[in-house]
C-alpha atoms as a PDB file:
ATOM      1  CA  MET A   1      10.007  30.476 232.358  1.00  0.00           C
ATOM      2  CA  ARG A   2      10.301  33.274 229.767  1.00  0.00           C
ATOM      3  CA  ARG A   3      11.664  36.422 231.406  1.00  0.00           C
ATOM      4  CA  LEU A   4      11.539  38.943 228.547  1.00  0.00           C
ATOM      5  CA  ASP A   5       8.692  40.481 226.601  1.00  0.00           C
ATOM      6  CA  LEU A   6      10.261  39.957 223.223  1.00  0.00           C
ATOM      7  CA  SER A   7      13.016  38.148 221.358  1.00  0.00           C
ATOM      8  CA  ILE A   8      13.919  39.919 218.100  1.00  0.00           C
ATOM      9  CA  ILE A   9      15.365  37.333 215.710  1.00  0.00           C
ATOM     10  CA  ILE A  10      17.241  38.184 212.519  1.00  0.00           C
ATOM     11  CA  VAL A  11      18.741  35.678 210.087  1.00  0.00           C
ATOM     12  CA  ASN A  12      21.668  37.052 208.077  1.00  0.00           C
ATOM     13  CA  TRP A  13      23.494  35.872 204.984  1.00  0.00           C
ATOM     14  CA  ASN A  14      26.013  38.279 203.435  1.00  0.00           C
ATOM     15  CA  THR A  15      23.974  41.429 204.059  1.00  0.00           C
ATOM     16  CA  ARG A  16      26.264  43.251 206.482  1.00  0.00           C
ATOM     17  CA  LYS A  17      25.151  46.812 205.710  1.00  0.00           C
ATOM     18  CA  LEU A  18      21.463  45.919 205.653  1.00  0.00           C
ATOM     19  CA  LEU A  19      21.860  44.072 208.957  1.00  0.00           C
ATOM     20  CA  ALA A  20      23.452  47.130 210.569  1.00  0.00           C
ATOM     21  CA  ASP A  21      20.630  49.377 209.336  1.00  0.00           C
ATOM     22  CA  CYS A  22      18.044  46.918 210.651  1.00  0.00           C
ATOM     23  CA  LEU A  23      19.709  46.713 214.064  1.00  0.00           C
ATOM     24  CA  ASP A  24      19.969  50.491 214.246  1.00  0.00           C
ATOM     25  CA  SER A  25      16.242  50.779 213.587  1.00  0.00           C
ATOM     26  CA  VAL A  26      15.549  48.321 216.420  1.00  0.00           C
ATOM     27  CA  ALA A  27      17.598  50.396 218.870  1.00  0.00           C
ATOM     28  CA  ARG A  28      15.984  53.607 217.634  1.00  0.00           C
ATOM     29  CA  THR A  29      12.329  52.524 217.706  1.00  0.00           C
ATOM     30  CA  VAL A  30      11.800  49.799 220.327  1.00  0.00           C
ATOM     31  CA  HIS A  31      11.127  51.303 223.753  1.00  0.00           C
ATOM     32  CA  GLY A  32       9.347  50.251 226.919  1.00  0.00           C
ATOM     33  CA  LEU A  33       9.807  46.516 226.337  1.00  0.00           C
ATOM     34  CA  ALA A  34      12.251  44.058 227.842  1.00  0.00           C
ATOM     35  CA  TYR A  35      13.805  42.510 224.771  1.00  0.00           C
ATOM     36  CA  GLU A  36      16.827  40.714 223.389  1.00  0.00           C
ATOM     37  CA  VAL A  37      18.208  40.588 219.860  1.00  0.00           C
ATOM     38  CA  ILE A  38      19.448  37.301 218.410  1.00  0.00           C
ATOM     39  CA  VAL A  39      21.212  37.239 215.044  1.00  0.00           C
ATOM     40  CA  VAL A  40      21.755  33.881 213.348  1.00  0.00           C
ATOM     41  CA  ASP A  41      24.442  34.193 210.689  1.00  0.00           C
ATOM     42  CA  ASN A  42      24.352  31.593 207.923  1.00  0.00           C
ATOM     43  CA  ALA A  43      28.071  31.412 207.148  1.00  0.00           C
ATOM     44  CA  SER A  44      28.408  34.925 205.738  1.00  0.00           C
ATOM     45  CA  ALA A  45      31.660  35.781 203.975  1.00  0.00           C
ATOM     46  CA  ASP A  46      31.305  39.567 204.228  1.00  0.00           C
ATOM     47  CA  GLY A  47      32.489  40.121 207.793  1.00  0.00           C
ATOM     48  CA  SER A  48      29.017  40.269 209.307  1.00  0.00           C
ATOM     49  CA  VAL A  49      29.933  38.283 212.426  1.00  0.00           C
ATOM     50  CA  GLY A  50      33.002  40.412 213.115  1.00  0.00           C
ATOM     51  CA  MET A  51      30.954  43.579 212.655  1.00  0.00           C
ATOM     52  CA  LEU A  52      28.399  42.337 215.190  1.00  0.00           C
ATOM     53  CA  GLY A  53      31.092  41.670 217.772  1.00  0.00           C
ATOM     54  CA  GLU A  54      32.683  45.078 217.291  1.00  0.00           C
ATOM     55  CA  GLU A  55      29.652  47.327 216.858  1.00  0.00           C
ATOM     56  CA  TYR A  56      26.757  45.460 218.511  1.00  0.00           C
ATOM     57  CA  PRO A  57      28.196  43.593 221.511  1.00  0.00           C
ATOM     58  CA  GLU A  58      24.754  43.404 223.145  1.00  0.00           C
ATOM     59  CA  VAL A  59      23.430  41.185 220.326  1.00  0.00           C
ATOM     60  CA  ARG A  60      23.421  37.423 220.866  1.00  0.00           C
ATOM     61  CA  VAL A  61      25.097  35.829 217.844  1.00  0.00           C
ATOM     62  CA  ILE A  62      24.738  32.283 216.563  1.00  0.00           C
ATOM     63  CA  ALA A  63      27.340  31.741 213.838  1.00  0.00           C
ATOM     64  CA  ASN A  64      26.721  28.796 211.543  1.00  0.00           C
ATOM     65  CA  GLU A  65      29.544  27.213 209.555  1.00  0.00           C
ATOM     66  CA  VAL A  66      27.191  26.512 206.637  1.00  0.00           C
ATOM     67  CA  ASN A  67      24.082  28.199 205.271  1.00  0.00           C
ATOM     68  CA  ARG A  68      21.309  26.257 206.979  1.00  0.00           C
ATOM     69  CA  GLY A  69      18.468  28.198 205.388  1.00  0.00           C
ATOM     70  CA  PHE A  70      15.917  30.572 206.862  1.00  0.00           C
ATOM     71  CA  GLY A  71      13.702  28.153 208.778  1.00  0.00           C
ATOM     72  CA  ALA A  72      16.469  26.094 210.373  1.00  0.00           C
ATOM     73  CA  ALA A  73      18.356  29.243 211.390  1.00  0.00           C
ATOM     74  CA  ASN A  74      15.281  30.693 213.075  1.00  0.00           C
ATOM     75  CA  ASN A  75      14.736  27.402 214.874  1.00  0.00           C
ATOM     76  CA  GLN A  76      18.214  27.732 216.347  1.00  0.00           C
ATOM     77  CA  ALA A  77      17.191  31.080 217.818  1.00  0.00           C
ATOM     78  CA  PHE A  78      13.871  29.686 219.065  1.00  0.00           C
ATOM     79  CA  ALA A  79      15.831  27.099 221.044  1.00  0.00           C
ATOM     80  CA  VAL A  80      17.515  29.799 223.149  1.00  0.00           C
ATOM     81  CA  MET A  81      15.032  32.706 223.067  1.00  0.00           C
ATOM     82  CA  ARG A  82      13.791  34.128 226.361  1.00  0.00           C
ATOM     83  CA  GLY A  83      10.911  36.286 225.123  1.00  0.00           C
ATOM     84  CA  ARG A  84       7.203  35.566 225.395  1.00  0.00           C
ATOM     85  CA  TYR A  85       6.979  36.619 221.755  1.00  0.00           C
ATOM     86  CA  ALA A  86       9.371  36.225 218.851  1.00  0.00           C
ATOM     87  CA  LEU A  87       9.702  39.082 216.350  1.00  0.00           C
ATOM     88  CA  LEU A  88      11.154  37.789 213.086  1.00  0.00           C
ATOM     89  CA  LEU A  89      12.826  40.455 210.955  1.00  0.00           C
ATOM     90  CA  ASN A  90      14.518  40.206 207.575  1.00  0.00           C
ATOM     91  CA  THR A  91      17.819  42.042 207.344  1.00  0.00           C
ATOM     92  CA  ASP A  92      16.334  44.228 204.593  1.00  0.00           C
ATOM     93  CA  THR A  93      13.763  45.776 206.940  1.00  0.00           C
ATOM     94  CA  VAL A  94      13.835  49.078 208.809  1.00  0.00           C
ATOM     95  CA  LEU A  95      11.287  49.611 211.581  1.00  0.00           C
ATOM     96  CA  ALA A  96       9.212  52.787 211.649  1.00  0.00           C
ATOM     97  CA  ASP A  97       8.439  54.443 214.990  1.00  0.00           C
ATOM     98  CA  ASN A  98       6.036  52.438 217.168  1.00  0.00           C
ATOM     99  CA  ALA A  99       5.898  49.498 214.741  1.00  0.00           C
ATOM    100  CA  VAL A 100       6.898  46.956 217.369  1.00  0.00           C
ATOM    101  CA  ALA A 101       4.739  48.641 220.022  1.00  0.00           C
ATOM    102  CA  GLU A 102       1.694  48.316 217.755  1.00  0.00           C
ATOM    103  CA  LEU A 103       2.329  44.629 217.081  1.00  0.00           C
ATOM    104  CA  TYR A 104       3.022  43.897 220.747  1.00  0.00           C
ATOM    105  CA  ALA A 105      -0.079  45.741 222.012  1.00  0.00           C
ATOM    106  CA  PHE A 106      -2.242  43.915 219.489  1.00  0.00           C
ATOM    107  CA  MET A 107      -0.913  40.489 220.504  1.00  0.00           C
ATOM    108  CA  GLU A 108      -1.377  41.313 224.176  1.00  0.00           C
ATOM    109  CA  GLY A 109      -5.012  42.215 223.535  1.00  0.00           C
ATOM    110  CA  ARG A 110      -5.856  39.214 221.333  1.00  0.00           C
ATOM    111  CA  PRO A 111      -5.102  35.926 223.078  1.00  0.00           C
ATOM    112  CA  ASP A 112      -6.402  34.014 220.036  1.00  0.00           C
ATOM    113  CA  ALA A 113      -3.650  35.518 217.851  1.00  0.00           C
ATOM    114  CA  GLY A 114      -0.808  33.138 217.159  1.00  0.00           C
ATOM    115  CA  MET A 115       0.904  35.450 214.689  1.00  0.00           C
ATOM    116  CA  CYS A 116       0.578  38.947 213.260  1.00  0.00           C
ATOM    117  CA  CYS A 117       2.246  41.060 210.585  1.00  0.00           C
ATOM    118  CA  GLY A 118       2.487  44.785 209.948  1.00  0.00           C
ATOM    119  CA  GLN A 119       2.268  46.927 206.822  1.00  0.00           C
ATOM    120  CA  LEU A 120       5.375  46.654 204.646  1.00  0.00           C
ATOM    121  CA  LEU A 121       6.461  49.775 202.791  1.00  0.00           C
ATOM    122  CA  ASN A 122       8.804  50.562 199.915  1.00  0.00           C
ATOM    123  CA  ALA A 123      11.607  53.034 200.548  1.00  0.00           C
ATOM    124  CA  ASP A 124       9.402  55.847 199.200  1.00  0.00           C
ATOM    125  CA  GLY A 125       6.597  55.007 201.649  1.00  0.00           C
ATOM    126  CA  SER A 126       4.311  53.312 199.136  1.00  0.00           C
ATOM    127  CA  LYS A 127       2.679  50.092 200.271  1.00  0.00           C
ATOM    128  CA  GLN A 128       3.933  46.594 199.555  1.00  0.00           C
ATOM    129  CA  ASN A 129       1.709  43.575 199.760  1.00  0.00           C
ATOM    130  CA  SER A 130       1.979  42.343 203.350  1.00  0.00           C
ATOM    131  CA  ILE A 131      -0.687  39.625 203.247  1.00  0.00           C
ATOM    132  CA  ALA A 132      -0.413  36.190 201.652  1.00  0.00           C
ATOM    133  CA  ALA A 133      -3.285  33.872 200.802  1.00  0.00           C
ATOM    134  CA  PHE A 134      -2.727  30.156 201.130  1.00  0.00           C
ATOM    135  CA  PRO A 135      -1.852  28.686 197.712  1.00  0.00           C
ATOM    136  CA  THR A 136      -4.528  26.420 196.289  1.00  0.00           C
ATOM    137  CA  PHE A 137      -5.343  24.799 192.975  1.00  0.00           C
ATOM    138  CA  PHE A 138      -7.826  27.631 192.432  1.00  0.00           C
ATOM    139  CA  THR A 139      -5.232  30.370 192.970  1.00  0.00           C
ATOM    140  CA  LEU A 140      -2.865  28.601 190.568  1.00  0.00           C
ATOM    141  CA  LEU A 141      -5.484  28.754 187.818  1.00  0.00           C
ATOM    142  CA  THR A 142      -6.521  32.342 188.497  1.00  0.00           C
ATOM    143  CA  ASN A 143      -4.765  35.685 188.445  1.00  0.00           C
ATOM    144  CA  MET A 144      -4.252  36.806 192.060  1.00  0.00           C
ATOM    145  CA  SER A 145      -4.669  40.480 191.178  1.00  0.00           C
ATOM    146  CA  LEU A 146      -8.078  39.663 189.733  1.00  0.00           C
ATOM    147  CA  LEU A 147      -9.048  37.708 192.838  1.00  0.00           C
ATOM    148  CA  GLU A 148      -7.962  40.581 195.067  1.00  0.00           C
ATOM    149  CA  TYR A 149     -10.111  42.950 193.010  1.00  0.00           C
ATOM    150  CA  LEU A 150     -13.227  40.760 192.783  1.00  0.00           C
ATOM    151  CA  LEU A 151     -13.076  39.169 196.251  1.00  0.00           C
ATOM    152  CA  PRO A 152     -11.399  41.733 198.533  1.00  0.00           C
ATOM    153  CA  ARG A 153     -12.719  40.211 201.755  1.00  0.00           C
ATOM    154  CA  ARG A 154     -11.376  36.765 200.924  1.00  0.00           C
ATOM    155  CA  TYR A 155      -8.152  38.070 199.339  1.00  0.00           C
ATOM    156  CA  PRO A 156      -7.236  41.352 201.069  1.00  0.00           C
ATOM    157  CA  SER A 157      -4.282  43.231 199.602  1.00  0.00           C
ATOM    158  CA  LYS A 158      -2.473  46.552 199.399  1.00  0.00           C
ATOM    159  CA  ARG A 159      -4.941  47.879 196.820  1.00  0.00           C
ATOM    160  CA  TYR A 160      -7.390  48.642 199.636  1.00  0.00           C
ATOM    161  CA  ARG A 161      -6.929  50.846 202.696  1.00  0.00           C
ATOM    162  CA  HIS A 162      -7.160  48.867 205.928  1.00  0.00           C
ATOM    163  CA  GLU A 163      -7.725  50.980 209.018  1.00  0.00           C
ATOM    164  CA  ALA A 164      -8.182  48.235 211.598  1.00  0.00           C
ATOM    165  CA  PRO A 165      -6.514  44.861 212.138  1.00  0.00           C
ATOM    166  CA  LEU A 166      -8.006  42.034 210.100  1.00  0.00           C
ATOM    167  CA  ALA A 167      -7.755  38.257 210.109  1.00  0.00           C
ATOM    168  CA  VAL A 168      -5.759  36.838 207.178  1.00  0.00           C
ATOM    169  CA  ASP A 169      -4.405  33.503 205.956  1.00  0.00           C
ATOM    170  CA  SER A 170      -0.754  34.436 206.370  1.00  0.00           C
ATOM    171  CA  GLY A 171       1.589  37.393 206.473  1.00  0.00           C
ATOM    172  CA  VAL A 172       4.679  38.074 204.386  1.00  0.00           C
ATOM    173  CA  GLY A 173       7.629  36.847 206.450  1.00  0.00           C
ATOM    174  CA  ALA A 174       9.745  40.008 206.377  1.00  0.00           C
ATOM    175  CA  CYS A 175       8.289  40.998 209.747  1.00  0.00           C
ATOM    176  CA  LEU A 176       6.224  38.651 211.912  1.00  0.00           C
ATOM    177  CA  MET A 177       5.424  38.649 215.612  1.00  0.00           C
ATOM    178  CA  VAL A 178       4.662  35.165 216.930  1.00  0.00           C
ATOM    179  CA  ARG A 179       3.300  34.081 220.309  1.00  0.00           C
ATOM    180  CA  GLY A 180       5.600  31.702 222.177  1.00  0.00           C
ATOM    181  CA  GLU A 181       2.640  29.649 223.396  1.00  0.00           C
ATOM    182  CA  ALA A 182       1.472  29.127 219.816  1.00  0.00           C
ATOM    183  CA  MET A 183       4.987  28.140 218.770  1.00  0.00           C
ATOM    184  CA  GLU A 184       5.085  25.487 221.457  1.00  0.00           C
ATOM    185  CA  ALA A 185       1.652  24.207 220.424  1.00  0.00           C
ATOM    186  CA  VAL A 186       2.150  23.841 216.661  1.00  0.00           C
ATOM    187  CA  GLY A 187       5.933  23.444 216.411  1.00  0.00           C
ATOM    188  CA  TRP A 188       8.600  25.605 214.842  1.00  0.00           C
ATOM    189  CA  PHE A 189       9.577  26.059 211.211  1.00  0.00           C
ATOM    190  CA  ASP A 190       9.571  23.029 208.939  1.00  0.00           C
ATOM    191  CA  GLU A 191      13.235  22.831 207.947  1.00  0.00           C
ATOM    192  CA  ARG A 192      12.498  21.209 204.603  1.00  0.00           C
ATOM    193  CA  TYR A 193      11.769  24.752 203.363  1.00  0.00           C
ATOM    194  CA  PHE A 194      15.173  26.320 202.791  1.00  0.00           C
ATOM    195  CA  PHE A 195      13.834  29.713 201.768  1.00  0.00           C
ATOM    196  CA  PHE A 196      10.246  30.719 200.772  1.00  0.00           C
ATOM    197  CA  PHE A 197       6.947  29.334 202.096  1.00  0.00           C
ATOM    198  CA  GLU A 198       8.242  28.682 205.634  1.00  0.00           C
ATOM    199  CA  GLU A 199       5.902  31.284 207.105  1.00  0.00           C
ATOM    200  CA  THR A 200       3.028  30.135 204.875  1.00  0.00           C
ATOM    201  CA  ASP A 201       3.366  26.584 206.168  1.00  0.00           C
ATOM    202  CA  TRP A 202       3.693  27.870 209.744  1.00  0.00           C
ATOM    203  CA  ALA A 203       0.564  30.030 209.423  1.00  0.00           C
ATOM    204  CA  TYR A 204      -1.321  27.080 207.937  1.00  0.00           C
ATOM    205  CA  ARG A 205      -0.406  24.995 210.977  1.00  0.00           C
ATOM    206  CA  MET A 206      -1.439  27.886 213.220  1.00  0.00           C
ATOM    207  CA  HIS A 207      -4.909  27.885 211.662  1.00  0.00           C
ATOM    208  CA  ARG A 208      -5.186  24.118 211.927  1.00  0.00           C
ATOM    209  CA  GLY A 209      -4.187  24.358 215.583  1.00  0.00           C
ATOM    210  CA  GLY A 210      -6.940  26.854 216.392  1.00  0.00           C
ATOM    211  CA  TRP A 211      -4.821  30.028 216.350  1.00  0.00           C
ATOM    212  CA  ARG A 212      -5.553  33.056 214.188  1.00  0.00           C
ATOM    213  CA  VAL A 213      -3.256  35.206 212.063  1.00  0.00           C
ATOM    214  CA  TYR A 214      -3.772  38.959 211.757  1.00  0.00           C
ATOM    215  CA  HIS A 215      -2.580  41.934 209.750  1.00  0.00           C
ATOM    216  CA  VAL A 216      -1.969  45.080 211.834  1.00  0.00           C
ATOM    217  CA  PRO A 217      -1.785  48.017 209.389  1.00  0.00           C
ATOM    218  CA  ALA A 218      -0.775  50.564 212.039  1.00  0.00           C
ATOM    219  CA  ALA A 219       2.600  48.817 212.388  1.00  0.00           C
ATOM    220  CA  ARG A 220       4.738  50.099 209.521  1.00  0.00           C
ATOM    221  CA  ILE A 221       7.977  48.508 208.344  1.00  0.00           C
ATOM    222  CA  TYR A 222      10.168  49.618 205.440  1.00  0.00           C
ATOM    223  CA  HIS A 223      11.181  46.608 203.363  1.00  0.00           C
ATOM    224  CA  LEU A 224      13.918  46.847 200.731  1.00  0.00           C
ATOM    225  CA  GLN A 225      12.269  43.974 198.927  1.00  0.00           C
ATOM    226  CA  GLY A 226      14.480  41.317 197.397  1.00  0.00           C
ATOM    227  CA  ARG A 227      17.810  42.740 198.606  1.00  0.00           C
ATOM    228  CA  SER A 228      18.521  39.671 200.760  1.00  0.00           C
ATOM    229  CA  ILE A 229      17.382  36.960 198.344  1.00  0.00           C
ATOM    230  CA  GLY A 230      20.141  36.697 195.751  1.00  0.00           C
ATOM    231  CA  PRO A 231      20.394  35.998 192.011  1.00  0.00           C
ATOM    232  CA  ASP A 232      17.312  35.329 189.899  1.00  0.00           C
ATOM    233  CA  VAL A 233      17.836  31.686 188.920  1.00  0.00           C
ATOM    234  CA  PRO A 234      18.762  30.258 192.361  1.00  0.00           C
ATOM    235  CA  SER A 235      15.972  32.169 194.090  1.00  0.00           C
ATOM    236  CA  ARG A 236      13.349  31.116 191.543  1.00  0.00           C
ATOM    237  CA  ILE A 237      14.455  27.480 191.753  1.00  0.00           C
ATOM    238  CA  GLU A 238      14.138  27.644 195.535  1.00  0.00           C
ATOM    239  CA  PHE A 239      10.708  29.256 195.216  1.00  0.00           C
ATOM    240  CA  TYR A 240       9.437  26.434 193.010  1.00  0.00           C
ATOM    241  CA  ARG A 241      10.934  23.749 195.241  1.00  0.00           C
ATOM    242  CA  SER A 242       9.346  25.282 198.339  1.00  0.00           C
ATOM    243  CA  ARG A 243       5.985  25.679 196.647  1.00  0.00           C
ATOM    244  CA  TYR A 244       6.050  22.001 195.712  1.00  0.00           C
ATOM    245  CA  GLN A 245       6.987  21.177 199.301  1.00  0.00           C
ATOM    246  CA  PHE A 246       3.867  22.963 200.547  1.00  0.00           C
ATOM    247  CA  PHE A 247       1.519  21.207 198.140  1.00  0.00           C
ATOM    248  CA  LYS A 248       3.091  17.793 198.675  1.00  0.00           C
ATOM    249  CA  LYS A 249       2.786  18.186 202.432  1.00  0.00           C
ATOM    250  CA  TRP A 250      -0.847  19.264 202.519  1.00  0.00           C
ATOM    251  CA  CYS A 251      -2.423  17.680 199.404  1.00  0.00           C
ATOM    252  CA  SER A 252      -3.290  14.126 198.424  1.00  0.00           C
ATOM    253  CA  PRO A 253      -0.871  12.430 195.979  1.00  0.00           C
ATOM    254  CA  ALA A 254      -3.383  12.771 193.118  1.00  0.00           C
ATOM    255  CA  HIS A 255      -3.999  16.436 193.879  1.00  0.00           C
ATOM    256  CA  TYR A 256      -0.273  17.068 194.120  1.00  0.00           C
ATOM    257  CA  ALA A 257       0.377  15.409 190.752  1.00  0.00           C
ATOM    258  CA  LEU A 258      -2.332  17.541 189.150  1.00  0.00           C
ATOM    259  CA  ILE A 259      -0.846  20.708 190.640  1.00  0.00           C
ATOM    260  CA  ARG A 260       2.639  19.832 189.371  1.00  0.00           C
ATOM    261  CA  GLY A 261       1.193  19.333 185.908  1.00  0.00           C
ATOM    262  CA  VAL A 262      -0.540  22.718 185.971  1.00  0.00           C
ATOM    263  CA  ILE A 263       2.574  24.535 187.197  1.00  0.00           C
ATOM    264  CA  PHE A 264       4.818  22.857 184.640  1.00  0.00           C
ATOM    265  CA  GLY A 265       2.319  23.532 181.832  1.00  0.00           C
ATOM    266  CA  ARG A 266       2.180  27.216 182.688  1.00  0.00           C
ATOM    267  CA  LEU A 267       5.961  27.352 182.869  1.00  0.00           C
ATOM    268  CA  LEU A 268       6.277  25.773 179.404  1.00  0.00           C
ATOM    269  CA  ALA A 269       3.754  28.243 177.988  1.00  0.00           C
ATOM    270  CA  ASN A 270       5.565  31.210 179.535  1.00  0.00           C
ATOM    271  CA  GLY A 271       8.894  29.890 178.273  1.00  0.00           C
ATOM    272  CA  LEU A 272       7.520  29.584 174.738  1.00  0.00           C
ATOM    273  CA  LEU A 273       6.072  33.103 174.787  1.00  0.00           C
ATOM    274  CA  THR A 274       9.332  34.507 176.109  1.00  0.00           C
ATOM    275  CA  SER A 275      11.279  32.666 173.399  1.00  0.00           C
ATOM    276  CA  LEU A 276       9.047  34.207 170.730  1.00  0.00           C
ATOM    277  CA  ALA A 277       9.561  37.653 172.268  1.00  0.00           C
ATOM    278  CA  VAL A 278      13.345  37.179 172.229  1.00  0.00           C
ATOM    279  CA  VAL A 279      13.218  36.189 168.557  1.00  0.00           C
ATOM    280  CA  ALA A 280      10.909  39.088 167.703  1.00  0.00           C
ATOM    281  CA  THR A 281      13.298  41.581 169.321  1.00  0.00           C
ATOM    282  CA  LEU A 282      16.357  39.898 167.743  1.00  0.00           C
ATOM    283  CA  GLY A 283      17.694  39.167 171.200  1.00  0.00           C
ATOM    284  CA  ARG A 284      18.372  42.829 171.896  1.00  0.00           C
ATOM    285  CA  SER A 285      16.432  42.955 175.169  1.00  0.00           C
ATOM    286  CA  ARG A 286      18.636  42.006 178.091  1.00  0.00           C
ATOM    287  CA  GLY A 287      15.591  41.664 180.324  1.00  0.00           C
ATOM    288  CA  LEU A 288      13.934  39.199 177.978  1.00  0.00           C
ATOM    289  CA  ARG A 289      17.126  37.170 177.644  1.00  0.00           C
ATOM    290  CA  ARG A 290      17.461  36.965 181.401  1.00  0.00           C
ATOM    291  CA  LYS A 291      13.811  35.976 181.753  1.00  0.00           C
ATOM    292  CA  LEU A 292      14.296  33.243 179.155  1.00  0.00           C
ATOM    293  CA  GLY A 293      17.318  31.974 181.061  1.00  0.00           C
ATOM    294  CA  VAL A 294      15.238  31.704 184.238  1.00  0.00           C
ATOM    295  CA  HIS A 295      12.487  29.826 182.395  1.00  0.00           C
ATOM    296  CA  ALA A 296      15.044  27.467 180.848  1.00  0.00           C
ATOM    297  CA  ALA A 297      16.599  26.720 184.249  1.00  0.00           C
ATOM    298  CA  LEU A 298      13.199  26.019 185.794  1.00  0.00           C
ATOM    299  CA  ILE A 299      12.115  23.770 182.938  1.00  0.00           C
ATOM    300  CA  GLY A 300      15.415  21.915 183.235  1.00  0.00           C
ATOM    301  CA  GLY A 301      14.893  21.577 186.970  1.00  0.00           C
ATOM    302  CA  HIS A 302      11.525  19.926 186.390  1.00  0.00           C
ATOM    303  CA  LEU A 303      12.993  17.516 183.855  1.00  0.00           C
ATOM    304  CA  ASN A 304      16.066  16.504 185.883  1.00  0.00           C
ATOM    305  CA  GLY A 305      14.236  16.277 189.200  1.00  0.00           C
ATOM    306  CA  SER A 306      16.198  18.981 191.001  1.00  0.00           C
ATOM    307  CA  LEU A 307      13.001  20.794 192.034  1.00  0.00           C
ATOM    308  CA  LYS A 308      11.746  17.893 194.121  1.00  0.00           C
ATOM    309  CA  PRO A 309      10.884  18.795 197.732  1.00  0.00           C
ATOM    310  CA  ARG A 310      13.659  18.261 200.258  1.00  0.00           C
ATOM    311  CA  GLN A 311      13.879  15.475 202.788  1.00  0.00           C
ATOM    312  CA  GLY A 312      14.730  16.383 206.350  1.00  0.00           C
ATOM    313  CA  ASN A 313      13.393  17.550 209.693  1.00  0.00           C
ATOM    314  CA  PRO A 314       9.688  18.408 209.216  1.00  0.00           C
ATOM    315  CA  MET A 315       9.097  20.351 212.429  1.00  0.00           C
ATOM    316  CA  GLY A 316      12.572  21.527 213.383  1.00  0.00           C
ATOM    317  CA  GLN A 317      12.414  20.939 217.115  1.00  0.00           C
ATOM    318  CA  LEU A 318      15.953  21.670 218.308  1.00  0.00           C
ATOM    319  CA  ARG A 319      15.532  21.622 222.079  1.00  0.00           C
ATOM    320  CA  SER A 320      17.837  18.607 222.384  1.00  0.00           C
ATOM    321  CA  ASN A 321      20.409  20.079 219.991  1.00  0.00           C
ATOM    322  CA  LYS A 322      20.938  23.653 221.099  1.00  0.00           C
ATOM    323  CA  PRO A 323      23.412  25.654 219.013  1.00  0.00           C
ATOM    324  CA  SER A 324      26.554  27.265 220.293  1.00  0.00           C
ATOM    325  CA  GLU A 325      26.746  31.033 220.496  1.00  0.00           C
ATOM    326  CA  ASN A 326      29.686  33.318 219.797  1.00  0.00           C
END
């Protein structure tokens, strides 16, 4: 029996200062709910676990000896959570006043909602995109900005003002509230996604299981986008690998092969154009050189097979293998 309203779950990897700011925003803004905070640390080397013990003794800490990735780390918290809802927060988020209250009230009033997201903001208060459409062959061939402009109802985005909650494909995973009942029905994170696309896959399974996903614009969350991801090349490699994992999981073999061909063809074209730009600028642009290095690493990853989807636990059910807590 779940005894709390909410379990706030944060996965950390070497973002000690961001984690502290996030936790401070939780304490400052979440009121009137019975909640717990669980931090899963993925083998940080920056003293994060020690800081939690000294400055946030009320936080439940799961300290991993290796970096298990975002999905697997969250699953560890799901195995011990006591809340009726899980609130997943990135360490690079800061909650605005009433953000959690808005998400919680919405979920309480919509029993069909398996998951909801708020409105992500930049540090200056401008809007970030908080909604994600499911990737398809069509979206790969088309510019998403154009789709959002021409088909705003099918592809809602930050370019339009949303006053009321609306049903969406998926939300950006920096801040998600998820119903415990829906989690039990469709399973937890697929651990084959190390980072990127975990929430997209989860939302897809929510839809297939009869649950709906919503965007709640009244809930506002500051997101210092990209601060917790890491260097360009490793993060882009992981993005491509996770995207391939999604398509391989949900598409036929022939469809998947076609999609890989389209993605690789576009990557080759972009690499060629970037190479020409580097030559035209005599290599003086550091940004272009870095972009070319990313393209080269991704092309190499396709050729040597390192971008293949991972093998492993597809649904991440850890009830029989509960983690130890510090």
